[in-house]
N, C-alpha and C. Protein backbone atom coordinates (compact mmCIF):
# COMPACT_ATOMS: atom_id res chain seq x y z
N UNK A 1 -11.68 -37.03 -5.98
CA UNK A 1 -11.63 -38.32 -5.33
C UNK A 1 -10.32 -38.45 -4.55
N UNK A 2 -9.23 -37.98 -5.18
CA UNK A 2 -7.93 -38.05 -4.51
C UNK A 2 -7.92 -37.17 -3.26
N UNK A 3 -8.62 -36.04 -3.31
CA UNK A 3 -8.68 -35.15 -2.15
C UNK A 3 -9.41 -35.83 -1.00
N UNK A 4 -10.51 -36.55 -1.32
CA UNK A 4 -11.26 -37.22 -0.27
C UNK A 4 -10.44 -38.34 0.36
N UNK A 5 -9.68 -39.06 -0.46
CA UNK A 5 -8.84 -40.14 0.07
C UNK A 5 -7.73 -39.57 0.93
N UNK A 6 -7.17 -38.44 0.54
CA UNK A 6 -6.08 -37.83 1.30
C UNK A 6 -6.59 -37.31 2.64
N UNK A 7 -7.86 -36.87 2.69
CA UNK A 7 -8.39 -36.34 3.94
C UNK A 7 -8.67 -37.45 4.95
N UNK A 8 -8.95 -38.66 4.47
CA UNK A 8 -9.28 -39.75 5.38
C UNK A 8 -8.10 -40.63 5.73
N UNK A 9 -6.91 -40.31 5.23
CA UNK A 9 -5.71 -41.06 5.60
C UNK A 9 -5.38 -40.75 7.05
N UNK A 10 -4.85 -41.73 7.79
CA UNK A 10 -4.43 -41.41 9.16
C UNK A 10 -3.29 -40.41 9.12
N UNK A 11 -3.42 -39.37 9.91
CA UNK A 11 -2.43 -38.30 9.91
C UNK A 11 -1.36 -38.62 10.95
N UNK A 12 -0.11 -38.58 10.54
CA UNK A 12 1.02 -38.84 11.45
C UNK A 12 1.38 -37.53 12.12
N UNK A 13 1.24 -37.51 13.45
CA UNK A 13 1.57 -36.33 14.22
C UNK A 13 3.07 -36.28 14.45
N UNK A 14 3.74 -35.24 14.00
CA UNK A 14 5.18 -35.13 14.26
C UNK A 14 5.40 -34.84 15.74
N UNK A 15 6.47 -35.39 16.28
CA UNK A 15 6.79 -35.18 17.69
C UNK A 15 8.17 -34.58 17.82
N UNK A 16 8.36 -33.84 18.90
CA UNK A 16 9.67 -33.26 19.20
C UNK A 16 10.21 -34.03 20.38
N UNK A 17 11.36 -34.69 20.20
CA UNK A 17 11.99 -35.45 21.27
C UNK A 17 13.46 -35.13 21.29
N UNK A 18 14.06 -35.09 22.50
CA UNK A 18 15.49 -34.83 22.57
C UNK A 18 16.27 -36.04 22.07
N UNK A 19 17.33 -35.77 21.32
CA UNK A 19 18.20 -36.86 20.90
C UNK A 19 19.29 -37.04 21.94
N UNK A 20 20.24 -37.93 21.69
CA UNK A 20 21.27 -38.25 22.67
C UNK A 20 22.12 -37.07 23.06
N UNK A 21 22.28 -36.07 22.19
CA UNK A 21 23.15 -34.94 22.48
C UNK A 21 22.45 -33.88 23.31
N UNK A 22 21.15 -34.07 23.55
CA UNK A 22 20.47 -33.10 24.40
C UNK A 22 19.78 -32.01 23.63
N UNK A 23 19.81 -32.00 22.28
CA UNK A 23 19.12 -30.98 21.52
C UNK A 23 17.82 -31.54 21.00
N UNK A 24 16.80 -30.72 20.88
CA UNK A 24 15.50 -31.17 20.39
C UNK A 24 15.56 -31.45 18.91
N UNK A 25 15.19 -32.61 18.48
CA UNK A 25 15.20 -32.97 17.07
C UNK A 25 13.77 -33.28 16.66
N UNK A 26 13.36 -32.83 15.49
CA UNK A 26 12.03 -33.05 15.00
C UNK A 26 12.00 -34.37 14.28
N UNK A 27 11.13 -35.28 14.75
CA UNK A 27 11.01 -36.59 14.14
C UNK A 27 9.94 -36.55 13.08
N UNK A 28 10.24 -36.02 11.96
CA UNK A 28 9.29 -35.95 10.86
C UNK A 28 10.05 -35.54 9.62
N UNK A 29 9.74 -36.18 8.52
CA UNK A 29 10.42 -35.77 7.31
C UNK A 29 9.73 -34.53 6.79
N UNK A 30 10.51 -33.57 6.29
CA UNK A 30 9.90 -32.35 5.79
C UNK A 30 9.06 -32.67 4.56
N UNK A 31 7.95 -31.98 4.40
CA UNK A 31 7.11 -32.27 3.24
C UNK A 31 7.83 -31.88 1.95
N UNK A 32 7.54 -32.64 0.92
CA UNK A 32 8.13 -32.34 -0.38
C UNK A 32 7.49 -31.06 -0.90
N UNK A 33 8.18 -30.30 -1.76
CA UNK A 33 7.61 -29.04 -2.24
C UNK A 33 6.24 -29.24 -2.89
N UNK A 34 6.04 -30.33 -3.64
CA UNK A 34 4.76 -30.53 -4.29
C UNK A 34 3.69 -30.91 -3.27
N UNK A 35 4.08 -31.58 -2.17
CA UNK A 35 3.13 -31.98 -1.16
C UNK A 35 2.71 -30.80 -0.29
N UNK A 36 3.56 -29.80 -0.15
CA UNK A 36 3.24 -28.65 0.68
C UNK A 36 2.05 -27.89 0.14
N UNK A 37 1.85 -27.89 -1.17
CA UNK A 37 0.74 -27.18 -1.77
C UNK A 37 -0.58 -27.90 -1.49
N UNK A 38 -0.55 -29.17 -1.14
CA UNK A 38 -1.75 -29.96 -0.93
C UNK A 38 -2.12 -30.07 0.54
N UNK A 39 -1.41 -29.39 1.44
CA UNK A 39 -1.73 -29.46 2.86
C UNK A 39 -2.97 -28.63 3.15
N UNK A 40 -3.80 -29.13 4.06
CA UNK A 40 -4.97 -28.36 4.47
C UNK A 40 -4.51 -27.21 5.35
N UNK A 41 -5.41 -26.30 5.62
CA UNK A 41 -5.03 -25.16 6.46
C UNK A 41 -4.68 -25.62 7.86
N UNK A 42 -5.36 -26.65 8.35
CA UNK A 42 -5.06 -27.17 9.69
C UNK A 42 -3.67 -27.80 9.72
N UNK A 43 -3.33 -28.55 8.68
CA UNK A 43 -2.00 -29.16 8.61
C UNK A 43 -0.91 -28.11 8.48
N UNK A 44 -1.22 -27.02 7.75
CA UNK A 44 -0.25 -25.93 7.64
C UNK A 44 -0.05 -25.25 8.99
N UNK A 45 -1.12 -25.09 9.77
CA UNK A 45 -1.00 -24.50 11.11
C UNK A 45 -0.15 -25.38 12.02
N UNK A 46 -0.38 -26.69 11.95
CA UNK A 46 0.40 -27.64 12.76
C UNK A 46 1.87 -27.56 12.37
N UNK A 47 2.14 -27.55 11.09
CA UNK A 47 3.51 -27.49 10.60
C UNK A 47 4.20 -26.20 11.01
N UNK A 48 3.50 -25.08 10.89
CA UNK A 48 4.07 -23.79 11.28
C UNK A 48 4.37 -23.74 12.78
N UNK A 49 3.43 -24.22 13.58
CA UNK A 49 3.64 -24.22 15.03
C UNK A 49 4.79 -25.14 15.42
N UNK A 50 4.89 -26.28 14.77
CA UNK A 50 5.97 -27.22 15.08
C UNK A 50 7.33 -26.65 14.68
N UNK A 51 7.40 -25.98 13.54
CA UNK A 51 8.66 -25.36 13.12
C UNK A 51 9.07 -24.26 14.11
N UNK A 52 8.09 -23.47 14.55
CA UNK A 52 8.39 -22.40 15.51
C UNK A 52 8.90 -22.98 16.82
N UNK A 53 8.27 -24.06 17.28
CA UNK A 53 8.68 -24.71 18.53
C UNK A 53 10.10 -25.26 18.41
N UNK A 54 10.39 -25.93 17.31
CA UNK A 54 11.73 -26.50 17.11
C UNK A 54 12.78 -25.40 17.02
N UNK A 55 12.47 -24.32 16.33
CA UNK A 55 13.41 -23.20 16.19
C UNK A 55 13.67 -22.55 17.54
N UNK A 56 12.62 -22.37 18.36
CA UNK A 56 12.78 -21.76 19.68
C UNK A 56 13.61 -22.65 20.59
N UNK A 57 13.36 -23.96 20.55
CA UNK A 57 14.16 -24.89 21.37
C UNK A 57 15.63 -24.85 20.95
N UNK A 58 15.86 -24.85 19.67
CA UNK A 58 17.23 -24.83 19.14
C UNK A 58 17.96 -23.55 19.54
N UNK A 59 17.28 -22.42 19.41
CA UNK A 59 17.90 -21.14 19.76
C UNK A 59 18.23 -21.07 21.25
N UNK A 60 17.32 -21.53 22.09
CA UNK A 60 17.56 -21.49 23.53
C UNK A 60 18.71 -22.42 23.91
N UNK A 61 18.76 -23.60 23.31
CA UNK A 61 19.85 -24.53 23.62
C UNK A 61 21.20 -23.96 23.17
N UNK A 62 21.21 -23.28 22.04
CA UNK A 62 22.46 -22.68 21.57
C UNK A 62 22.93 -21.59 22.52
N UNK A 63 21.99 -20.77 22.99
CA UNK A 63 22.36 -19.71 23.93
C UNK A 63 22.81 -20.28 25.27
N UNK A 64 22.10 -21.29 25.77
CA UNK A 64 22.50 -21.90 27.03
C UNK A 64 23.81 -22.66 26.89
N UNK A 65 24.11 -23.15 25.69
CA UNK A 65 25.36 -23.84 25.44
C UNK A 65 26.56 -22.92 25.56
N UNK A 66 26.34 -21.63 25.38
CA UNK A 66 27.44 -20.67 25.53
C UNK A 66 27.91 -20.60 26.98
N UNK A 67 27.03 -20.93 27.90
CA UNK A 67 27.41 -20.89 29.31
C UNK A 67 28.32 -22.04 29.68
N UNK A 68 28.28 -23.12 28.91
CA UNK A 68 29.10 -24.28 29.23
C UNK A 68 28.49 -25.03 30.40
N UNK A 69 29.11 -26.11 30.81
CA UNK A 69 28.55 -26.87 31.92
C UNK A 69 28.66 -26.08 33.23
N UNK A 70 27.67 -26.23 34.04
CA UNK A 70 27.68 -25.55 35.34
C UNK A 70 28.77 -26.15 36.20
N UNK A 71 29.52 -25.30 36.93
CA UNK A 71 30.56 -25.85 37.80
C UNK A 71 29.92 -26.73 38.86
N UNK A 72 30.59 -27.81 39.18
CA UNK A 72 30.06 -28.77 40.15
C UNK A 72 30.17 -28.19 41.54
N UNK A 73 29.10 -28.30 42.29
CA UNK A 73 29.11 -27.80 43.67
C UNK A 73 28.61 -28.89 44.59
N UNK A 74 28.99 -28.76 45.83
CA UNK A 74 28.63 -29.75 46.84
C UNK A 74 27.90 -29.05 47.97
N UNK A 75 27.10 -29.81 48.70
CA UNK A 75 26.40 -29.30 49.86
C UNK A 75 27.45 -28.86 50.89
N UNK A 76 27.34 -27.65 51.40
CA UNK A 76 28.36 -27.16 52.35
C UNK A 76 28.50 -28.06 53.59
N UNK A 77 27.41 -28.61 54.07
CA UNK A 77 27.50 -29.48 55.25
C UNK A 77 28.30 -30.75 54.92
N UNK A 78 28.06 -31.32 53.72
CA UNK A 78 28.81 -32.50 53.30
C UNK A 78 30.28 -32.16 53.10
N UNK A 79 30.54 -30.99 52.53
CA UNK A 79 31.93 -30.58 52.30
C UNK A 79 32.68 -30.42 53.63
N UNK A 80 32.03 -29.77 54.59
CA UNK A 80 32.66 -29.60 55.90
C UNK A 80 32.89 -30.95 56.58
N UNK A 81 31.90 -31.84 56.48
CA UNK A 81 32.02 -33.17 57.09
C UNK A 81 33.16 -33.95 56.44
N UNK A 82 33.29 -33.86 55.10
CA UNK A 82 34.35 -34.59 54.41
C UNK A 82 35.72 -34.05 54.78
N UNK A 83 35.85 -32.73 54.88
CA UNK A 83 37.14 -32.15 55.30
C UNK A 83 37.50 -32.57 56.72
N UNK A 84 36.52 -32.61 57.61
CA UNK A 84 36.78 -33.03 59.00
C UNK A 84 37.17 -34.51 59.04
N UNK A 85 36.49 -35.34 58.24
CA UNK A 85 36.83 -36.76 58.18
C UNK A 85 38.26 -36.96 57.66
N UNK A 86 38.64 -36.19 56.65
CA UNK A 86 39.99 -36.33 56.09
C UNK A 86 41.05 -35.94 57.12
N UNK A 87 40.78 -34.88 57.89
CA UNK A 87 41.73 -34.47 58.93
C UNK A 87 41.82 -35.53 60.03
N UNK A 88 40.66 -36.05 60.46
CA UNK A 88 40.65 -37.11 61.48
C UNK A 88 41.36 -38.36 60.98
N UNK A 89 41.15 -38.67 59.71
CA UNK A 89 41.77 -39.87 59.13
C UNK A 89 43.29 -39.73 59.07
N UNK A 90 43.79 -38.55 58.71
CA UNK A 90 45.25 -38.34 58.70
C UNK A 90 45.83 -38.52 60.10
N UNK A 91 45.15 -37.95 61.07
CA UNK A 91 45.62 -38.05 62.46
C UNK A 91 45.58 -39.51 62.94
N UNK A 92 44.48 -40.22 62.64
CA UNK A 92 44.35 -41.61 63.08
C UNK A 92 45.36 -42.52 62.38
N UNK A 93 45.65 -42.24 61.12
CA UNK A 93 46.65 -43.05 60.41
C UNK A 93 48.03 -42.86 61.02
N UNK A 94 48.34 -41.62 61.40
CA UNK A 94 49.67 -41.40 62.00
C UNK A 94 49.77 -42.13 63.35
N UNK A 95 48.69 -42.18 64.11
CA UNK A 95 48.69 -42.91 65.38
C UNK A 95 48.77 -44.43 65.16
N UNK A 96 48.06 -44.92 64.13
CA UNK A 96 48.02 -46.36 63.89
C UNK A 96 49.30 -46.88 63.27
N UNK A 97 50.09 -46.02 62.68
CA UNK A 97 51.32 -46.48 62.04
C UNK A 97 52.54 -46.41 62.96
N UNK A 98 52.35 -45.93 64.16
CA UNK A 98 53.45 -45.81 65.11
C UNK A 98 53.93 -47.18 65.58
N UNK A 99 55.07 -47.16 66.21
CA UNK A 99 55.71 -48.40 66.66
C UNK A 99 54.88 -49.10 67.73
N UNK A 100 54.24 -48.33 68.59
CA UNK A 100 53.45 -48.92 69.66
C UNK A 100 51.95 -48.75 69.39
N UNK A 101 51.55 -48.90 68.13
CA UNK A 101 50.14 -48.73 67.75
C UNK A 101 49.28 -49.81 68.39
N UNK A 102 48.08 -49.41 68.75
CA UNK A 102 47.17 -50.33 69.38
C UNK A 102 46.08 -50.73 68.40
N UNK A 103 45.38 -51.79 68.69
CA UNK A 103 44.30 -52.28 67.84
C UNK A 103 43.17 -51.27 67.71
N UNK A 104 42.91 -50.51 68.78
CA UNK A 104 41.84 -49.52 68.76
C UNK A 104 42.12 -48.43 67.72
N UNK A 105 43.40 -48.06 67.57
CA UNK A 105 43.77 -47.03 66.59
C UNK A 105 43.53 -47.54 65.17
N UNK A 106 43.85 -48.82 64.93
CA UNK A 106 43.64 -49.41 63.60
C UNK A 106 42.14 -49.51 63.29
N UNK A 107 41.35 -49.86 64.31
CA UNK A 107 39.90 -49.94 64.12
C UNK A 107 39.32 -48.55 63.82
N UNK A 108 39.85 -47.55 64.49
CA UNK A 108 39.39 -46.17 64.25
C UNK A 108 39.68 -45.76 62.81
N UNK A 109 40.85 -46.13 62.27
CA UNK A 109 41.20 -45.83 60.88
C UNK A 109 40.20 -46.49 59.94
N UNK A 110 39.87 -47.76 60.19
CA UNK A 110 38.92 -48.47 59.34
C UNK A 110 37.54 -47.81 59.39
N UNK A 111 37.11 -47.40 60.56
CA UNK A 111 35.82 -46.74 60.72
C UNK A 111 35.78 -45.41 59.96
N UNK A 112 36.84 -44.62 60.11
CA UNK A 112 36.91 -43.32 59.41
C UNK A 112 36.97 -43.52 57.89
N UNK A 113 37.73 -44.52 57.43
CA UNK A 113 37.81 -44.79 55.99
C UNK A 113 36.44 -45.18 55.44
N UNK A 114 35.70 -46.00 56.20
CA UNK A 114 34.38 -46.40 55.74
C UNK A 114 33.44 -45.18 55.68
N UNK A 115 33.46 -44.32 56.68
CA UNK A 115 32.62 -43.11 56.68
C UNK A 115 33.00 -42.18 55.53
N UNK A 116 34.30 -42.05 55.28
CA UNK A 116 34.75 -41.21 54.17
C UNK A 116 34.27 -41.80 52.85
N UNK A 117 34.39 -43.12 52.68
CA UNK A 117 33.97 -43.79 51.45
C UNK A 117 32.47 -43.59 51.19
N UNK A 118 31.66 -43.73 52.25
CA UNK A 118 30.22 -43.54 52.12
C UNK A 118 29.88 -42.10 51.71
N UNK A 119 30.55 -41.14 52.30
CA UNK A 119 30.30 -39.74 51.97
C UNK A 119 30.77 -39.42 50.54
N UNK A 120 31.92 -39.95 50.15
CA UNK A 120 32.41 -39.75 48.79
C UNK A 120 31.46 -40.37 47.76
N UNK A 121 30.94 -41.54 48.07
CA UNK A 121 29.97 -42.19 47.17
C UNK A 121 28.71 -41.34 47.04
N UNK A 122 28.23 -40.80 48.14
CA UNK A 122 27.04 -39.94 48.09
C UNK A 122 27.29 -38.68 47.27
N UNK A 123 28.50 -38.17 47.33
CA UNK A 123 28.85 -36.97 46.55
C UNK A 123 29.18 -37.31 45.10
N UNK A 124 29.39 -38.58 44.81
CA UNK A 124 29.71 -38.98 43.43
C UNK A 124 31.15 -38.73 43.04
N UNK A 125 32.05 -38.84 44.01
CA UNK A 125 33.48 -38.59 43.78
C UNK A 125 34.24 -39.86 44.16
N UNK A 126 35.29 -40.17 43.40
CA UNK A 126 36.04 -41.41 43.63
C UNK A 126 36.94 -41.34 44.87
N UNK A 127 37.57 -40.20 45.10
CA UNK A 127 38.50 -40.11 46.23
C UNK A 127 38.50 -38.68 46.79
N UNK A 128 39.12 -38.52 47.95
CA UNK A 128 39.21 -37.19 48.55
C UNK A 128 40.06 -36.27 47.68
N UNK A 129 41.10 -36.82 47.06
CA UNK A 129 41.94 -36.00 46.16
C UNK A 129 41.13 -35.49 44.97
N UNK A 130 40.25 -36.35 44.42
CA UNK A 130 39.39 -35.91 43.32
C UNK A 130 38.43 -34.81 43.78
N UNK A 131 37.92 -34.97 44.96
CA UNK A 131 37.03 -33.96 45.54
C UNK A 131 37.76 -32.62 45.67
N UNK A 132 38.96 -32.65 46.20
CA UNK A 132 39.75 -31.40 46.36
C UNK A 132 40.05 -30.79 45.00
N UNK A 133 40.34 -31.63 44.00
CA UNK A 133 40.63 -31.11 42.65
C UNK A 133 39.41 -30.37 42.09
N UNK A 134 38.23 -30.89 42.33
CA UNK A 134 37.01 -30.24 41.85
C UNK A 134 36.77 -28.93 42.59
N UNK A 135 36.91 -28.96 43.90
CA UNK A 135 36.65 -27.78 44.72
C UNK A 135 37.68 -26.68 44.45
N UNK A 136 38.94 -27.05 44.28
CA UNK A 136 40.00 -26.07 44.12
C UNK A 136 40.19 -25.60 42.67
N UNK A 137 39.51 -26.22 41.72
CA UNK A 137 39.67 -25.85 40.31
C UNK A 137 39.10 -24.45 40.07
N UNK A 138 39.80 -23.65 39.27
CA UNK A 138 39.27 -22.32 38.95
C UNK A 138 38.07 -22.46 38.01
N UNK A 139 37.12 -21.55 38.09
CA UNK A 139 35.96 -21.63 37.20
C UNK A 139 36.41 -21.43 35.75
N UNK A 140 35.78 -22.12 34.80
CA UNK A 140 36.18 -21.98 33.40
C UNK A 140 35.83 -20.58 32.88
N UNK A 141 36.72 -20.06 32.05
CA UNK A 141 36.49 -18.75 31.43
C UNK A 141 35.60 -18.96 30.20
N UNK A 142 34.39 -18.40 30.26
CA UNK A 142 33.45 -18.54 29.16
C UNK A 142 32.79 -17.21 28.86
N UNK A 143 32.30 -17.10 27.65
CA UNK A 143 31.54 -15.92 27.28
C UNK A 143 30.10 -16.15 27.67
N UNK A 144 29.56 -15.30 28.47
CA UNK A 144 28.17 -15.44 28.89
C UNK A 144 27.27 -14.75 27.87
N UNK A 145 26.14 -15.37 27.61
CA UNK A 145 25.15 -14.76 26.73
C UNK A 145 24.52 -13.58 27.46
N UNK A 146 24.09 -12.62 26.70
CA UNK A 146 23.42 -11.46 27.27
C UNK A 146 22.16 -11.92 27.99
N UNK A 147 21.99 -11.56 29.25
CA UNK A 147 20.81 -12.02 30.00
C UNK A 147 19.48 -11.64 29.35
N UNK A 148 19.44 -10.47 28.71
CA UNK A 148 18.21 -10.05 28.05
C UNK A 148 17.89 -10.96 26.86
N UNK A 149 18.92 -11.35 26.12
CA UNK A 149 18.73 -12.24 24.97
C UNK A 149 18.28 -13.62 25.46
N UNK A 150 18.90 -14.07 26.52
CA UNK A 150 18.53 -15.37 27.09
C UNK A 150 17.09 -15.35 27.61
N UNK A 151 16.70 -14.27 28.26
CA UNK A 151 15.32 -14.14 28.76
C UNK A 151 14.33 -14.11 27.59
N UNK A 152 14.69 -13.42 26.51
CA UNK A 152 13.81 -13.38 25.34
C UNK A 152 13.68 -14.76 24.71
N UNK A 153 14.77 -15.50 24.65
CA UNK A 153 14.72 -16.85 24.07
C UNK A 153 13.84 -17.77 24.92
N UNK A 154 13.91 -17.63 26.22
CA UNK A 154 13.03 -18.43 27.10
C UNK A 154 11.57 -18.04 26.91
N UNK A 155 11.33 -16.73 26.78
CA UNK A 155 9.96 -16.25 26.56
C UNK A 155 9.43 -16.75 25.21
N UNK A 156 10.26 -16.73 24.20
CA UNK A 156 9.85 -17.22 22.87
C UNK A 156 9.55 -18.71 22.91
N UNK A 157 10.34 -19.48 23.64
CA UNK A 157 10.07 -20.92 23.76
C UNK A 157 8.74 -21.15 24.46
N UNK A 158 8.47 -20.41 25.53
CA UNK A 158 7.19 -20.55 26.24
C UNK A 158 6.03 -20.18 25.32
N UNK A 159 6.19 -19.12 24.55
CA UNK A 159 5.15 -18.70 23.61
C UNK A 159 4.95 -19.74 22.51
N UNK A 160 6.03 -20.31 22.00
CA UNK A 160 5.93 -21.34 20.97
C UNK A 160 5.26 -22.60 21.51
N UNK A 161 5.57 -22.96 22.76
CA UNK A 161 4.92 -24.12 23.37
C UNK A 161 3.43 -23.87 23.54
N UNK A 162 3.07 -22.66 23.94
CA UNK A 162 1.66 -22.31 24.10
C UNK A 162 0.94 -22.35 22.75
N UNK A 163 1.58 -21.85 21.70
CA UNK A 163 0.99 -21.89 20.36
C UNK A 163 0.83 -23.32 19.89
N UNK A 164 1.82 -24.15 20.17
CA UNK A 164 1.75 -25.56 19.78
C UNK A 164 0.58 -26.25 20.47
N UNK A 165 0.41 -25.98 21.77
CA UNK A 165 -0.70 -26.58 22.51
C UNK A 165 -2.05 -26.10 21.99
N UNK A 166 -2.15 -24.83 21.62
CA UNK A 166 -3.42 -24.33 21.10
C UNK A 166 -3.73 -24.93 19.73
N UNK A 167 -2.70 -25.16 18.91
CA UNK A 167 -2.92 -25.80 17.62
C UNK A 167 -3.34 -27.25 17.83
N UNK A 168 -2.73 -27.92 18.81
CA UNK A 168 -3.10 -29.30 19.11
C UNK A 168 -4.55 -29.40 19.58
N UNK A 169 -5.04 -28.37 20.28
CA UNK A 169 -6.39 -28.39 20.82
C UNK A 169 -7.45 -27.97 19.80
N UNK A 170 -7.03 -27.51 18.63
CA UNK A 170 -7.98 -27.07 17.62
C UNK A 170 -8.89 -28.21 17.20
N UNK A 171 -10.15 -27.89 17.01
CA UNK A 171 -11.08 -28.86 16.46
C UNK A 171 -11.13 -28.62 14.96
N UNK A 172 -10.79 -29.64 14.22
CA UNK A 172 -10.73 -29.52 12.76
C UNK A 172 -11.91 -30.27 12.18
N UNK A 173 -12.71 -29.59 11.33
CA UNK A 173 -13.82 -30.29 10.69
C UNK A 173 -13.28 -31.34 9.73
N UNK A 174 -14.12 -32.37 9.45
CA UNK A 174 -13.69 -33.44 8.57
C UNK A 174 -13.36 -32.93 7.18
N UNK A 175 -14.17 -32.00 6.68
CA UNK A 175 -13.91 -31.45 5.35
C UNK A 175 -13.70 -29.96 5.47
N UNK A 176 -12.87 -29.44 4.58
CA UNK A 176 -12.61 -28.01 4.58
C UNK A 176 -13.81 -27.29 4.00
N UNK A 177 -14.11 -26.09 4.50
CA UNK A 177 -15.22 -25.33 3.94
C UNK A 177 -14.91 -24.93 2.49
N UNK A 178 -15.93 -25.04 1.67
CA UNK A 178 -15.78 -24.70 0.25
C UNK A 178 -16.35 -23.31 0.06
N UNK A 179 -15.55 -22.44 -0.50
CA UNK A 179 -16.02 -21.08 -0.75
C UNK A 179 -16.86 -21.07 -2.01
N UNK A 180 -18.03 -20.45 -1.90
CA UNK A 180 -18.91 -20.36 -3.07
C UNK A 180 -18.49 -19.15 -3.88
N UNK A 181 -18.62 -19.24 -5.19
CA UNK A 181 -18.23 -18.10 -6.02
C UNK A 181 -19.10 -16.88 -5.70
N UNK A 182 -18.49 -15.74 -5.75
CA UNK A 182 -19.20 -14.49 -5.46
C UNK A 182 -20.12 -14.16 -6.62
N UNK A 183 -21.29 -13.62 -6.28
CA UNK A 183 -22.24 -13.24 -7.32
C UNK A 183 -21.86 -11.89 -7.88
N UNK A 184 -22.26 -11.67 -9.09
CA UNK A 184 -21.98 -10.39 -9.74
C UNK A 184 -22.76 -9.29 -9.04
N UNK A 185 -22.16 -8.08 -8.92
CA UNK A 185 -22.87 -6.99 -8.25
C UNK A 185 -24.13 -6.63 -9.04
N UNK A 186 -25.17 -6.35 -8.31
CA UNK A 186 -26.43 -5.92 -8.94
C UNK A 186 -27.31 -7.09 -9.34
N UNK A 187 -26.86 -8.32 -9.16
CA UNK A 187 -27.68 -9.48 -9.51
C UNK A 187 -28.70 -9.69 -8.41
N UNK A 188 -29.90 -10.11 -8.77
CA UNK A 188 -30.92 -10.31 -7.73
C UNK A 188 -30.54 -11.49 -6.84
N UNK A 189 -31.05 -11.45 -5.59
CA UNK A 189 -30.74 -12.51 -4.66
C UNK A 189 -31.31 -13.83 -5.12
N UNK A 190 -32.56 -13.81 -5.56
CA UNK A 190 -33.21 -15.02 -6.04
C UNK A 190 -33.55 -14.81 -7.49
N UNK A 191 -33.12 -15.71 -8.34
CA UNK A 191 -33.44 -15.50 -9.76
C UNK A 191 -34.94 -15.67 -9.98
N UNK A 192 -35.41 -14.95 -10.96
CA UNK A 192 -36.84 -15.02 -11.30
C UNK A 192 -37.12 -16.37 -11.92
N UNK A 193 -38.31 -16.94 -11.62
CA UNK A 193 -38.63 -18.23 -12.23
C UNK A 193 -38.74 -18.11 -13.73
N UNK A 194 -38.35 -19.16 -14.35
CA UNK A 194 -38.36 -19.20 -15.82
C UNK A 194 -39.77 -19.45 -16.28
N UNK A 195 -40.29 -18.58 -17.08
CA UNK A 195 -41.62 -18.77 -17.64
C UNK A 195 -41.49 -18.96 -19.14
N UNK A 196 -41.87 -20.07 -19.57
CA UNK A 196 -41.78 -20.27 -21.00
C UNK A 196 -42.99 -20.92 -21.56
């Protein structure tokens, strides 16, 4: 009776979702040791596939974490435009700050500053000095993971995802098949009718 009630309980599907730190965390409490013995074969398949998927995600994230953050890069056209704007702005400021500066020179400075500000905002940088600091910074010294190991980890994740999807697509019968006891060797297929 307890088995029938357990089979008709709504089954909570565990999900894999990234947490705030960017690593995949499994949102499901692990089954208790006594409960693991009572899992159906379908539930055991789901659990195995989910563990494999979580392990593959974790391994790949650990290997990719060895690379560190990717160095920030900018579109070459935007970089060239920003450098040209900075040079024009320096020249216009020197003209506008002179003793006999004209209003047109001051307006040109304001126009160039606005164009520079718009381009810096699009690039996500606060100032031209910050931009230069990013561009001129040496790349960080990091240990790179072996490309073959990284490729294998990606392949394992893809395989684990495929296995998870195939387990999800499985059609599970309402009740598990019951194995009938094996007959003794040499016993007739149909017992003889009882004559008494």
